Structures are given as structure tokens and as C-alpha cells.
Protein backbone atom coordinates (compact mmCIF):
# COMPACT_ATOMS: atom_id res chain seq x y z
CA MET A 1 -34.81 -57.65 63.72
CA PRO A 2 -32.00 -59.62 65.39
CA GLY A 3 -30.82 -61.49 62.55
CA HIS A 4 -31.48 -63.07 59.08
CA GLU A 5 -35.12 -64.34 59.38
CA ILE A 6 -35.85 -64.92 55.70
CA ILE A 7 -33.96 -67.46 53.58
CA VAL A 8 -34.74 -67.84 49.91
CA LEU A 9 -33.34 -70.92 47.94
CA GLY A 10 -33.54 -71.27 44.02
CA ALA A 11 -32.77 -74.46 42.11
CA SER A 12 -33.28 -76.03 38.77
CA ALA A 13 -31.76 -79.22 37.23
CA GLY A 14 -30.18 -81.37 39.99
CA GLY A 15 -31.59 -78.98 42.65
CA ILE A 16 -33.93 -81.41 44.45
CA GLU A 17 -31.03 -83.64 45.57
CA ALA A 18 -29.17 -80.51 46.93
CA LEU A 19 -32.47 -79.46 48.75
CA THR A 20 -32.87 -82.79 50.51
CA ARG A 21 -29.30 -82.57 51.87
CA ILE A 22 -30.00 -79.10 53.03
CA ALA A 23 -33.31 -79.99 54.70
CA CYS A 24 -31.72 -82.80 56.73
CA GLY A 25 -29.17 -80.37 58.14
CA LEU A 26 -31.60 -77.75 59.49
CA PRO A 27 -32.32 -77.47 63.21
CA PRO A 28 -35.98 -78.23 64.52
CA GLU A 29 -36.21 -74.62 66.21
CA LEU A 30 -34.88 -72.44 63.39
CA PRO A 31 -35.66 -68.73 63.93
CA ALA A 32 -36.24 -68.04 60.22
CA ALA A 33 -38.67 -68.76 57.32
CA ILE A 34 -37.46 -70.58 54.29
CA PHE A 35 -38.99 -70.20 50.74
CA VAL A 36 -38.15 -72.48 47.91
CA VAL A 37 -38.32 -72.16 44.21
CA VAL A 38 -37.62 -74.95 41.88
CA HIS A 39 -38.21 -75.11 38.27
CA MET A 40 -40.89 -77.53 37.17
CA PRO A 41 -43.30 -78.03 34.41
CA VAL A 42 -46.51 -75.99 34.58
CA ASP A 43 -48.79 -78.99 34.48
CA ALA A 44 -47.02 -81.47 36.90
CA PRO A 45 -48.12 -82.08 40.32
CA SER A 46 -45.36 -80.89 42.87
CA HIS A 47 -44.28 -83.48 45.46
CA LEU A 48 -41.45 -81.59 46.72
CA PRO A 49 -43.14 -80.59 50.15
CA GLY A 50 -43.59 -84.17 50.90
CA ILE A 51 -39.98 -85.01 49.81
CA LEU A 52 -38.56 -82.49 51.96
CA ALA A 53 -40.83 -83.02 54.91
CA ARG A 54 -39.32 -86.50 55.18
CA ARG A 55 -35.95 -85.21 55.59
CA SER A 56 -36.41 -81.99 57.48
CA PRO A 57 -37.48 -81.30 61.14
CA LEU A 58 -39.33 -78.00 60.03
CA ARG A 59 -42.84 -77.99 58.92
CA VAL A 60 -43.04 -77.95 55.09
CA SER A 61 -46.00 -76.95 52.79
CA HIS A 62 -46.90 -75.31 49.62
CA ALA A 63 -46.98 -71.57 49.72
CA HIS A 64 -50.50 -70.04 49.94
CA ASP A 65 -51.49 -66.58 48.57
CA ARG A 66 -51.68 -63.96 51.13
CA ALA A 67 -50.79 -66.42 54.00
CA PRO A 68 -48.82 -64.83 56.89
CA ILE A 69 -45.08 -65.71 57.18
CA ARG A 70 -44.24 -67.87 60.13
CA LEU A 71 -40.84 -68.47 61.27
CA GLY A 72 -39.65 -71.96 61.51
CA ARG A 73 -41.59 -73.10 58.34
CA LEU A 74 -40.33 -74.07 54.86
CA TYR A 75 -42.55 -72.89 51.93
CA VAL A 76 -42.28 -74.38 48.44
CA ALA A 77 -43.59 -72.46 45.37
CA PRO A 78 -46.50 -74.42 43.68
CA PRO A 79 -46.34 -75.24 39.80
CA ASN A 80 -47.24 -72.42 37.35
CA ARG A 81 -47.22 -69.66 40.14
CA HIS A 82 -44.56 -67.03 41.01
CA LEU A 83 -43.73 -66.91 44.73
CA VAL A 84 -43.05 -63.40 45.79
CA LEU A 85 -42.71 -61.87 49.36
CA GLU A 86 -44.51 -58.70 50.73
CA TRP A 87 -43.72 -57.44 54.24
CA GLY A 88 -45.28 -60.09 56.58
CA GLN A 89 -47.07 -62.24 53.91
CA MET A 90 -46.46 -64.15 50.77
CA ARG A 91 -48.08 -63.87 47.43
CA LEU A 92 -48.73 -66.15 44.47
CA THR A 93 -49.17 -64.68 41.14
CA TYR A 94 -49.75 -65.76 37.44
CA GLY A 95 -47.39 -63.10 36.35
CA PRO A 96 -45.45 -63.14 32.93
CA ARG A 97 -42.75 -65.92 32.87
CA VAL A 98 -39.34 -64.73 33.85
CA ASN A 99 -36.21 -66.37 32.12
CA GLY A 100 -38.83 -68.52 30.29
CA VAL A 101 -40.09 -70.20 33.53
CA ARG A 102 -42.98 -70.01 36.11
CA PRO A 103 -42.26 -70.18 39.04
CA ALA A 104 -38.92 -68.36 38.61
CA ILE A 105 -36.20 -67.71 41.05
CA ASP A 106 -35.69 -64.19 40.25
CA PRO A 107 -39.13 -62.80 41.36
CA LEU A 108 -38.74 -64.50 44.78
CA PHE A 109 -35.19 -63.11 45.24
CA TYR A 110 -36.05 -59.60 44.12
CA SER A 111 -39.28 -59.42 46.14
CA ALA A 112 -37.37 -60.72 49.36
CA ALA A 113 -34.71 -58.17 48.89
CA ARG A 114 -37.24 -55.29 48.46
CA ALA A 115 -39.48 -56.47 51.47
CA TYR A 116 -36.69 -57.45 53.92
CA GLY A 117 -33.58 -55.81 52.78
CA PRO A 118 -30.57 -57.06 54.83
CA ALA A 119 -32.41 -59.51 56.78
CA VAL A 120 -32.43 -61.90 53.71
CA ILE A 121 -30.10 -64.95 52.89
CA GLY A 122 -30.21 -65.96 49.26
CA VAL A 123 -29.11 -69.33 48.25
CA LEU A 124 -28.50 -70.64 44.59
CA LEU A 125 -28.22 -74.37 44.06
CA SER A 126 -27.69 -76.67 40.97
CA GLY A 127 -29.33 -75.59 37.84
CA ALA A 128 -28.83 -74.74 34.08
CA LEU A 129 -28.57 -71.23 32.75
CA ASP A 130 -28.68 -68.37 35.31
CA ASP A 131 -32.18 -67.58 36.63
CA GLY A 132 -31.75 -66.30 40.16
CA VAL A 133 -28.16 -64.61 39.66
CA ALA A 134 -29.80 -61.18 39.06
CA GLY A 135 -31.99 -61.55 42.14
CA LEU A 136 -29.05 -62.80 44.28
CA ALA A 137 -27.24 -59.61 43.18
CA ALA A 138 -30.21 -57.58 44.36
CA ILE A 139 -30.24 -59.31 47.75
CA LYS A 140 -26.35 -58.50 48.05
CA ARG A 141 -27.07 -54.89 47.20
CA ARG A 142 -29.63 -54.39 49.83
CA GLY A 143 -27.16 -55.78 52.52
CA GLY A 144 -28.19 -59.50 52.46
CA LEU A 145 -25.98 -62.46 52.26
CA ALA A 146 -25.20 -64.48 48.97
CA VAL A 147 -24.76 -68.15 49.45
CA ILE A 148 -24.06 -70.80 46.56
CA GLN A 149 -23.81 -74.60 46.26
CA ASP A 150 -20.22 -75.27 45.31
CA PRO A 151 -20.29 -75.64 41.70
CA ALA A 152 -18.05 -78.85 41.93
CA ASP A 153 -20.85 -80.27 44.10
CA ALA A 154 -23.69 -79.37 41.82
CA LEU A 155 -25.17 -81.97 39.32
CA VAL A 156 -25.70 -78.82 36.85
CA PRO A 157 -23.32 -76.26 37.90
CA SER A 158 -24.46 -73.32 35.59
CA ILE A 159 -26.35 -71.28 38.07
CA PRO A 160 -23.77 -71.18 40.87
CA LEU A 161 -20.93 -70.60 38.32
CA SER A 162 -22.88 -67.76 36.89
CA ALA A 163 -23.40 -66.38 40.48
CA CYS A 164 -19.69 -66.75 41.21
CA GLU A 165 -18.79 -64.61 38.01
CA ARG A 166 -21.35 -61.93 38.70
CA VAL A 167 -21.93 -61.61 42.43
CA PRO A 168 -19.90 -61.09 45.33
CA ILE A 169 -20.56 -64.36 47.04
CA ASP A 170 -20.29 -64.57 50.89
CA TYR A 171 -20.35 -68.44 51.27
CA CYS A 172 -19.54 -71.30 48.74
CA ARG A 173 -20.15 -74.73 50.16
CA PRO A 174 -21.20 -78.36 49.23
CA ALA A 175 -24.95 -79.05 49.64
CA ALA A 176 -24.44 -81.28 52.70
CA GLU A 177 -22.85 -78.21 54.54
CA LEU A 178 -25.52 -75.60 53.65
CA GLY A 179 -27.84 -76.71 56.35
CA PRO A 180 -25.68 -76.18 59.26
CA LEU A 181 -24.27 -73.04 57.75
CA LEU A 182 -27.60 -71.53 57.44
CA ALA A 183 -28.55 -72.62 61.09
CA THR A 184 -25.61 -70.41 62.06
CA LEU A 185 -26.22 -67.46 59.72
CA VAL A 186 -29.52 -66.69 60.80
CA HIS A 187 -28.03 -65.54 64.12
CA ALA A 188 -25.49 -63.30 62.49
CA PRO A 189 -26.00 -59.52 62.90
CA LEU A 190 -27.30 -57.55 60.06
CA SER A 191 -25.22 -55.38 58.02
CA SER A 192 -24.24 -51.83 59.54
CA ASN A 193 -26.72 -49.88 57.55
CA GLY A 194 -29.38 -52.73 57.56
CA GLY A 195 -31.81 -51.00 59.99
CA LYS A 196 -32.15 -47.75 58.05
CA LEU A 197 -32.25 -49.58 54.79
CA LEU A 198 -34.83 -52.19 55.78
CA ALA A 199 -37.09 -49.35 57.49
CA GLU A 200 -37.01 -47.43 54.12
CA GLU A 201 -37.74 -50.61 52.14
CA ASN A 202 -40.67 -51.69 54.45
CA GLU A 203 -42.19 -48.21 54.29
CA GLN A 204 -41.88 -48.20 50.55
CA THR A 205 -43.60 -51.71 50.29
CA ARG A 206 -46.42 -50.59 52.57
CA THR A 207 -47.16 -47.40 50.79
CA GLY A 208 -47.14 -48.93 47.42
CA GLU A 209 -44.17 -46.90 46.26
CA LEU A 210 -42.37 -50.02 44.89
CA SER A 211 -43.66 -51.90 41.73
CA GLU A 212 -44.86 -55.42 42.13
CA PRO A 213 -41.97 -57.64 43.35
CA GLY A 214 -39.98 -58.86 40.47
CA SER A 215 -41.75 -56.72 37.86
CA THR A 216 -40.04 -53.90 35.93
CA SER A 217 -41.61 -50.35 35.96
CA GLN A 218 -42.37 -48.44 32.89
CA ASP A 219 -40.11 -45.77 34.17
CA GLN A 220 -37.24 -48.28 34.35
CA LYS A 221 -38.15 -49.49 30.60
CA ARG A 222 -38.13 -45.86 29.45
CA SER A 223 -34.83 -44.99 31.21
CA GLY A 224 -33.44 -48.18 29.50
CA ARG A 225 -32.51 -48.48 25.77
CA ALA A 226 -34.66 -50.10 23.03
CA SER A 227 -32.65 -53.36 22.10
CA GLY A 228 -34.11 -53.81 18.70
CA LEU A 229 -34.74 -57.39 19.70
CA THR A 230 -38.13 -59.13 20.21
CA CYS A 231 -39.55 -61.01 23.07
CA PRO A 232 -39.35 -64.73 22.61
CA GLU A 233 -42.56 -65.24 24.55
CA CYS A 234 -44.87 -62.52 23.01
CA HIS A 235 -42.83 -60.98 20.06
CA GLY A 236 -43.06 -57.44 21.71
CA SER A 237 -40.07 -55.11 21.77
CA LEU A 238 -37.49 -55.74 24.32
CA TRP A 239 -35.84 -52.79 26.44
CA GLU A 240 -32.28 -53.13 27.97
CA VAL A 241 -32.64 -52.56 31.65
CA HIS A 242 -29.59 -52.35 33.92
CA ASP A 243 -30.14 -53.37 37.45
CA GLY A 244 -27.02 -52.58 39.21
CA GLU A 245 -24.42 -54.45 37.21
CA GLN A 246 -26.99 -56.83 35.94
CA LEU A 247 -28.40 -56.50 32.32
CA ARG A 248 -31.76 -57.77 31.68
CA TYR A 249 -34.18 -57.88 28.85
CA VAL A 250 -37.81 -56.89 29.43
CA CYS A 251 -40.73 -56.42 27.14
CA ARG A 252 -43.92 -54.24 27.63
CA VAL A 253 -45.82 -56.92 29.53
CA ASP A 254 -42.84 -57.88 31.84
CA HIS A 255 -41.63 -61.02 30.23
CA ALA A 256 -37.88 -60.80 31.51
CA PHE A 257 -34.73 -62.55 30.31
CA SER A 258 -31.02 -62.49 31.54
CA VAL A 259 -28.47 -62.48 28.77
CA ASP A 260 -27.80 -66.11 28.83
CA THR A 261 -31.50 -67.07 28.93
CA LEU A 262 -32.20 -64.73 26.01
CA LEU A 263 -29.50 -66.36 24.00
CA PHE A 264 -30.80 -69.69 24.81
CA GLU A 265 -34.50 -68.66 23.73
CA GLN A 266 -33.11 -67.21 20.56
CA ALA A 267 -31.26 -70.50 19.86
CA GLU A 268 -34.46 -72.49 20.37
CA ALA A 269 -36.38 -70.09 18.15
CA VAL A 270 -33.77 -70.31 15.33
CA GLU A 271 -33.74 -74.29 15.49
CA ALA A 272 -37.59 -74.44 15.36
CA ALA A 273 -37.57 -71.97 12.30
CA VAL A 274 -34.89 -74.04 10.53
CA TRP A 275 -36.68 -77.23 11.19
CA ALA A 276 -39.84 -75.56 9.77
CA ALA A 277 -37.90 -74.68 6.66
CA VAL A 278 -36.87 -78.28 6.23
CA ASN A 279 -40.37 -79.52 6.59
CA ALA A 280 -41.72 -76.90 4.09
CA LEU A 281 -39.02 -77.99 1.53
CA GLN A 282 -39.88 -81.73 2.10
CA GLU A 283 -43.48 -81.06 1.70
CA ARG A 284 -42.85 -79.17 -1.49
CA ALA A 285 -40.83 -81.99 -2.93
CA ALA A 286 -43.61 -84.57 -2.02
CA LEU A 287 -46.21 -82.32 -3.73
CA MET A 288 -44.07 -81.99 -6.90
CA ARG A 289 -43.64 -85.81 -7.17
CA ARG A 290 -47.34 -86.38 -6.80
CA LEU A 291 -48.14 -83.77 -9.39
CA SER A 292 -45.33 -85.39 -11.65
CA ALA A 293 -47.05 -88.77 -11.29
CA GLN A 294 -50.45 -87.18 -12.07
CA VAL A 295 -49.59 -85.76 -15.51
CA ALA A 296 -46.80 -88.24 -16.49
CA ASP A 297 -49.02 -90.00 -19.20
CA ARG A 298 -50.46 -86.95 -20.75
CA ASP A 299 -47.68 -84.28 -20.53
CA PRO A 300 -44.10 -85.99 -20.02
CA GLY A 301 -42.55 -82.48 -20.27
CA ARG A 302 -44.54 -80.98 -17.35
CA ALA A 303 -43.69 -84.23 -15.34
CA ALA A 304 -40.14 -83.89 -15.84
CA HIS A 305 -40.34 -80.24 -14.62
CA PHE A 306 -42.04 -81.23 -11.49
CA ARG A 307 -39.58 -84.04 -10.89
CA GLU A 308 -36.77 -81.45 -11.32
CA GLN A 309 -38.52 -79.09 -8.90
CA ALA A 310 -38.86 -81.98 -6.36
CA GLU A 311 -35.21 -82.79 -6.50
CA GLN A 312 -34.07 -79.33 -6.01
CA ALA A 313 -36.37 -79.04 -3.02
CA GLU A 314 -34.89 -82.27 -1.58
CA GLN A 315 -31.39 -81.14 -2.12
CA GLN A 316 -32.09 -77.65 -0.29
CA ALA A 317 -33.68 -79.57 2.55
CA ASP A 318 -30.69 -81.87 2.89
CA VAL A 319 -28.36 -78.91 2.91
CA ILE A 320 -30.28 -77.09 5.54
CA HIS A 321 -30.51 -80.37 7.60
CA GLN A 322 -26.63 -81.08 7.54
CA VAL A 323 -26.10 -77.49 8.69
CA LEU A 324 -28.68 -77.85 11.45
CA MET A 325 -27.33 -81.17 12.70
CA ALA A 326 -23.75 -79.69 12.58
CA ALA A 327 -24.86 -76.84 14.87
CA VAL A 328 -26.80 -79.24 17.11
CA ARG A 329 -23.71 -81.38 17.48
CA ALA A 330 -21.36 -78.33 18.17
CA GLN A 331 -23.78 -76.90 20.75
CA SER A 332 -23.83 -80.22 22.70
CA THR A 333 -20.17 -80.39 23.08
CA GLN A 334 -20.08 -76.93 24.80
CA PRO A 335 -19.77 -76.85 28.57
CA GLU A 336 -22.70 -76.10 30.85
């Protein structure tokens, strides 16, 4: 393989603008296949191929399950399907959500690294939290190139910033410069150990020795440590799994979370539980006042007891509400 023929790009919030800038900077005869994952609602139609086709000289389409990989094409993951790569073909799966989303960036990056080793260029663009960072580290470990959008150029810089902190980055550029950069990098020679590593990866992929791209084997989980935490998706047990220097949390059915994403999901769950508590106390207060009114004429003492219970529930709900609002305000002032 003469150069880097597989380019994988991942983006979240603010990423479409960056993708359009990259698309218009690509040459019409690019000797590589490009695969794109952007976080999107599972039930929303995706117009991204049309948006990019208006800016890119390449042929752009949604990815299709078991379709062969063609160079000079740009493939976009459709809504609610993980896009993963096997040797010579792409796959679409309804696998468990990763980092709370489907499609997720990590499955694409992990699978590209496993199937194509050092022939991969991984690119992370604007987005919140850190989906794709662990996958970019896997690409780098297998001899591929790690590229990020300059965080100062990203509308939401969390993903590229997280990558800077946890992955040895080869290139950091504004989005407008990434298209020409990629056009140059596809011709760069593979790493010195690339041929042997790539052959080993491809043979393992063909013989089924690797687990499904982006998944975590039961052996990996058993070699990890029970975290004592529960999965935000299915409430099963989570294992701590170390992938190189990256720590992930994975449940029995393969819901997977980075540390940042797990913290975010836990915060969401805590807020939902607190709101439920406020609602329950307000409902209790409303019921007590209704009961007080019903017995006021025939049992004034009992009516007074119900009113007292209603006031206590309202006071408790008010305290919890104030604490919750303070936490939300504090969270909103933290940097991305």
C-alpha cells in the first residue's frame, strides 16, 4: 500500500461547518476513501451528504452495509447506525450506543485502526466531550496519523482539546487548511513497521481473531476491574477497561463510556433524579392540601395536620430546588 488510503473524520457540535471547509479543499482525484461520523439525533433525516456534495469535488453518499470501499469517495454514517470498517468493505450496525450516541466516532476509528493499521489518518473536529479521542489513540498506536482541528478554530473545542491532552498529535490546523493537508498526507509513506503490522491486522480481521470493530471482548472485561458503577444506559455493571493509556467503562452488553462521558451521563441522571424528588414532594403537598380541604368542616384538627404536612413538603421541595438551581448555574459557568 503506497500511502494513507483511509481517512476517518469525527465531529459533533460545530463540526458540520468544519467539514464543509475541509470538503472544498480536497482535490478531485484523491487516492483515498474518506469516512465521516457526525453526532446526530437518531430520528432526524441526514442531509449531510448533500451539503458536502455541494462543496466537495468527490462523490459523496451515505455509507451502505457491506458495500465495497472505493477510493476517491466520501462516505457519511447515516443516523442511528454505527459505521465500522472491515478489510475492503464498510459495515453499518445497530450496536450498543457508545459514549451515549449512535453513530459514535470511536467505533469507526477503532475499526479503521484494526482493519487498516498505519494506512489510516484520523481527524477529530469540533465537538463537546471526548468521543473519538480513544479511537484516535488506537489509530496512533497502530502507526496511523493523528490530526485535529485547531481548538482555537473550533466552535466547540472540547474534542480537539481532549485529544491534545491524551494523544500524540501529528498535525493541528484550522479547518480551512485541513483539506490541502489531507491531500498531501495521503501520499506520505507508511510508518517503518507499517507493512508487517498491517498484514497482521488484516489476517486477524479475515480469520475472525479480532472482536467486532469497536466492541470490547469478554476477555478484556474480565482482565479489567469491576468499577462498582452502573451503566447509565442499561444499569448493568461497568468494567474499567484500559486500552493503551485510555480508560473506558464498558458494560456486559458493550455500552461504552469515556471518563468524561460517564461523568456527564451521571450528572444528567442525578439532575433527573433530583427533579423527580422535587416533583414528588410538590405532588405530596398538593394531595395534603386537597385532603385538608375535604375534611376541614368535619375534622378541623386533621385538616390542620394535613396543612402542616403540605407546608413541610413544599419547604423540602423548595430547598432541593434551590440546591439544584445553584448546581446548574455552577455547571453553566464551567468551560467546555
